[in-house]
Amino acid sequence: MKRFKTSPLQITVHVAAWIPLLWLIFDFWQDNVGPDPIREATLRTGKAALILLVAALACTPINTLFGFKPALKLRRPLGLYSFMYASIHFAIFIGVDYGFNFKLIPDALLEKRYALVGLTTGLILLALALTSTVGWQRRLKKNWKRLHKFVYLAGILAVIHFIWLVKQGVLEPWIWAVVVAILLLLRVPRVKKGVSQLRKLVPKFG
């Protein structure tokens, strides 16, 4: 029987991915979520989803630049955790704001552009999560890689969602936009080739 080996790095990532949710639950328990707990929960779950999605996008560039292959094994769990937080984020939005009345959702999406972009991002992550297994990889074959390239679009849309959600003048979402842009730039063939050559100048890990 084949045994699944889990490295200390993988264990660390799994533990770290649960911290935002456990922290949020603890703060609710301690009544330490401010005057608007629902908004606080929405923002914190959305932020966690974005951080984990960006971390998933960073795995391949990290391997390209540093030759750190263990990072590649973190793409799937990071992506799934991002989907988990995005799902909680969306559930809070439709559950609390609209009482799970799906008849009101279309109007909300038309009125709030950030909500429409957020929903699109969530649907992409849903499709990627459902097809993340080896079984689906075998069924879809070459189309599997094509489908999962939509994670790049999800990263872009997630940043746009954040930018449109916050007030003008807030710098943080633009910092995330720069990070995502750099990570996507590192996937351009010419750039990737150049970065791979730089690997000879930096220590190799793993």
Protein backbone atom coordinates (compact mmCIF):
# COMPACT_ATOMS: atom_id res chain seq x y z
CA MET A 1 0.00 0.00 0.00
CA LYS A 2 1.40 3.39 -1.03
CA ARG A 3 2.11 5.72 1.85
CA PHE A 4 1.72 9.46 1.53
CA LYS A 5 4.71 11.34 2.86
CA THR A 6 4.12 14.75 4.35
CA SER A 7 7.08 17.06 4.77
CA PRO A 8 7.49 19.51 7.66
CA LEU A 9 6.95 22.32 5.15
CA GLN A 10 3.62 20.88 4.06
CA ILE A 11 2.51 20.43 7.67
CA THR A 12 3.48 24.04 8.39
CA VAL A 13 1.44 25.27 5.44
CA HIS A 14 -1.62 23.27 6.49
CA VAL A 15 -1.42 24.57 10.05
CA ALA A 16 -0.82 28.16 8.92
CA ALA A 17 -3.77 28.03 6.52
CA TRP A 18 -6.19 27.33 9.39
CA ILE A 19 -4.89 30.12 11.62
CA PRO A 20 -6.98 32.98 10.10
CA LEU A 21 -10.22 31.02 10.57
CA LEU A 22 -9.37 29.86 14.10
CA TRP A 23 -8.28 33.39 14.99
CA LEU A 24 -11.57 34.79 13.68
CA ILE A 25 -13.59 32.25 15.69
CA PHE A 26 -11.55 33.06 18.80
CA ASP A 27 -12.12 36.80 18.33
CA PHE A 28 -15.87 36.21 17.97
CA TRP A 29 -15.80 34.14 21.13
CA GLN A 30 -13.93 36.92 22.94
CA ASP A 31 -16.22 39.59 21.43
CA ASN A 32 -13.16 41.22 19.88
CA VAL A 33 -14.34 41.89 16.32
CA GLY A 34 -15.22 45.56 16.58
CA PRO A 35 -18.53 47.39 16.15
CA ASP A 36 -19.34 45.64 12.85
CA PRO A 37 -18.48 41.94 13.29
CA ILE A 38 -20.05 40.85 10.02
CA ARG A 39 -17.99 43.28 7.95
CA GLU A 40 -14.90 42.27 9.93
CA ALA A 41 -15.53 38.58 9.20
CA THR A 42 -16.15 39.33 5.52
CA LEU A 43 -12.95 41.33 5.17
CA ARG A 44 -10.80 38.84 7.06
CA THR A 45 -11.99 35.78 5.15
CA GLY A 46 -11.58 37.66 1.87
CA LYS A 47 -8.05 38.71 2.81
CA ALA A 48 -7.15 35.13 3.75
CA ALA A 49 -8.47 33.89 0.39
CA LEU A 50 -6.36 36.47 -1.44
CA ILE A 51 -3.18 35.74 0.52
CA LEU A 52 -3.46 32.00 -0.05
CA LEU A 53 -4.25 32.46 -3.74
CA VAL A 54 -1.21 34.69 -4.21
CA ALA A 55 0.89 32.15 -2.28
CA ALA A 56 -0.30 29.44 -4.68
CA LEU A 57 0.65 31.61 -7.65
CA ALA A 58 4.08 32.18 -6.11
CA CYS A 59 5.00 28.48 -5.90
CA THR A 60 6.09 28.05 -9.52
CA PRO A 61 8.12 31.31 -9.66
CA ILE A 62 9.87 30.30 -6.42
CA ASN A 63 10.90 27.03 -8.04
CA THR A 64 11.94 28.85 -11.22
CA LEU A 65 14.11 31.35 -9.37
CA PHE A 66 15.53 29.21 -6.58
CA GLY A 67 15.08 25.66 -7.83
CA PHE A 68 12.99 24.96 -4.72
CA LYS A 69 10.89 22.03 -5.97
CA PRO A 70 9.04 21.37 -2.68
CA ALA A 71 7.14 24.61 -3.37
CA LEU A 72 5.41 22.93 -6.31
CA LYS A 73 3.68 20.48 -3.97
CA LEU A 74 2.10 23.39 -2.12
CA ARG A 75 0.14 24.75 -5.09
CA ARG A 76 -2.86 22.44 -4.70
CA PRO A 77 -3.38 22.77 -0.92
CA LEU A 78 -2.89 26.54 -1.04
CA GLY A 79 -5.40 26.80 -3.86
CA LEU A 80 -7.93 24.65 -2.01
CA TYR A 81 -7.55 26.68 1.17
CA SER A 82 -8.03 29.85 -0.86
CA PHE A 83 -11.27 28.39 -2.22
CA MET A 84 -12.35 27.47 1.30
CA TYR A 85 -11.94 31.03 2.56
CA ALA A 86 -13.54 32.45 -0.61
CA SER A 87 -16.55 30.19 0.02
CA ILE A 88 -16.87 31.39 3.61
CA HIS A 89 -16.46 34.97 2.38
CA PHE A 90 -19.29 34.52 -0.13
CA ALA A 91 -21.50 32.65 2.34
CA ILE A 92 -21.27 35.55 4.79
CA PHE A 93 -22.14 37.99 2.01
CA ILE A 94 -25.28 36.20 0.80
CA GLY A 95 -26.25 34.75 4.17
CA VAL A 96 -26.10 37.84 6.32
CA ASP A 97 -26.71 40.63 3.83
CA TYR A 98 -29.37 38.83 1.79
CA GLY A 99 -30.57 36.01 4.04
CA PHE A 100 -29.76 33.41 1.35
CA ASN A 101 -32.50 34.93 -0.81
CA PHE A 102 -31.02 34.11 -4.21
CA LYS A 103 -33.68 36.17 -5.99
CA LEU A 104 -31.97 39.30 -4.68
CA ILE A 105 -28.47 38.26 -5.71
CA PRO A 106 -28.71 39.25 -9.43
CA ASP A 107 -29.72 42.81 -8.52
CA ALA A 108 -26.91 42.98 -5.97
CA LEU A 109 -24.38 41.87 -8.59
CA LEU A 110 -25.57 44.51 -11.03
CA GLU A 111 -25.47 47.24 -8.39
CA LYS A 112 -22.10 46.29 -6.91
CA ARG A 113 -19.41 45.66 -9.50
CA TYR A 114 -16.99 44.36 -6.88
CA ALA A 115 -19.54 41.66 -6.00
CA LEU A 116 -19.80 40.53 -9.63
CA VAL A 117 -16.02 40.29 -9.95
CA GLY A 118 -15.82 38.48 -6.62
CA LEU A 119 -18.45 35.96 -7.70
CA THR A 120 -16.59 35.33 -10.96
CA THR A 121 -13.39 34.73 -9.00
CA GLY A 122 -15.19 32.31 -6.72
CA LEU A 123 -16.66 30.36 -9.62
CA ILE A 124 -13.20 29.97 -11.15
CA LEU A 125 -11.82 28.72 -7.85
CA LEU A 126 -14.79 26.33 -7.57
CA ALA A 127 -14.04 24.84 -11.00
CA LEU A 128 -10.36 24.47 -10.14
CA ALA A 129 -11.10 22.92 -6.74
CA LEU A 130 -13.53 20.36 -8.19
CA THR A 131 -11.02 19.30 -10.86
CA SER A 132 -7.92 19.35 -8.65
CA THR A 133 -7.82 15.58 -8.14
CA VAL A 134 -5.67 13.11 -10.04
CA GLY A 135 -8.83 11.50 -11.40
CA TRP A 136 -9.93 14.71 -13.09
CA GLN A 137 -6.41 15.28 -14.34
CA ARG A 138 -6.58 11.93 -16.11
CA ARG A 139 -10.05 12.60 -17.51
CA LEU A 140 -9.27 16.04 -18.85
CA LYS A 141 -5.72 15.22 -20.00
CA LYS A 142 -4.28 18.24 -21.86
CA ASN A 143 -7.40 20.26 -21.12
CA TRP A 144 -6.61 20.01 -17.41
CA LYS A 145 -3.62 22.32 -17.72
CA ARG A 146 -5.61 24.69 -19.91
CA LEU A 147 -8.39 24.84 -17.34
CA HIS A 148 -6.06 25.39 -14.42
CA LYS A 149 -4.38 28.32 -16.16
CA PHE A 150 -7.54 30.19 -15.21
CA VAL A 151 -5.94 30.53 -11.77
CA TYR A 152 -4.03 33.45 -13.27
CA LEU A 153 -7.30 35.14 -14.15
CA ALA A 154 -8.59 34.38 -10.66
CA GLY A 155 -5.57 36.17 -9.20
CA ILE A 156 -6.18 39.25 -11.36
CA LEU A 157 -9.90 39.34 -10.58
CA ALA A 158 -9.29 38.88 -6.86
CA VAL A 159 -7.09 41.98 -6.84
CA ILE A 160 -9.66 43.96 -8.85
CA HIS A 161 -12.33 42.85 -6.37
CA PHE A 162 -10.18 44.15 -3.51
CA ILE A 163 -9.45 47.46 -5.26
CA TRP A 164 -13.13 48.13 -5.99
CA LEU A 165 -14.21 47.05 -2.52
CA VAL A 166 -12.08 49.46 -0.48
CA LYS A 167 -12.20 53.24 -0.46
CA GLN A 168 -10.10 55.29 -2.86
CA GLY A 169 -6.68 56.17 -1.56
CA VAL A 170 -6.13 52.85 0.21
CA LEU A 171 -2.71 51.56 -0.85
CA GLU A 172 -2.87 47.90 0.22
CA PRO A 173 -4.84 46.45 -2.73
CA TRP A 174 -2.43 48.14 -5.15
CA ILE A 175 0.50 46.47 -3.40
CA TRP A 176 -1.21 43.11 -3.99
CA ALA A 177 -1.78 44.13 -7.61
CA VAL A 178 1.96 44.71 -8.06
CA VAL A 179 2.78 41.36 -6.44
CA VAL A 180 0.36 39.49 -8.71
CA ALA A 181 1.69 41.35 -11.76
CA ILE A 182 5.26 40.32 -10.89
CA LEU A 183 4.25 36.68 -10.36
CA LEU A 184 2.46 36.59 -13.72
CA LEU A 185 5.38 38.33 -15.43
CA LEU A 186 7.68 35.60 -14.17
CA ARG A 187 5.57 33.10 -16.13
CA VAL A 188 6.18 34.81 -19.48
CA PRO A 189 8.48 32.40 -21.44
CA ARG A 190 11.25 34.93 -22.12
CA VAL A 191 11.23 36.23 -18.58
CA LYS A 192 11.08 32.70 -17.17
CA LYS A 193 14.07 31.70 -19.29
CA GLY A 194 16.06 34.69 -18.11
CA VAL A 195 15.18 34.04 -14.47
CA SER A 196 16.13 30.38 -14.85
CA GLN A 197 19.58 31.45 -15.98
CA LEU A 198 19.89 33.60 -12.86
CA ARG A 199 19.38 30.46 -10.80
CA LYS A 200 23.05 29.66 -11.32
CA LEU A 201 23.92 32.78 -9.34
CA VAL A 202 21.81 31.96 -6.28
CA PRO A 203 22.04 29.04 -3.84
CA LYS A 204 20.00 25.98 -4.76
CA PHE A 205 17.68 24.56 -2.12
CA GLY A 206 16.04 21.19 -1.70
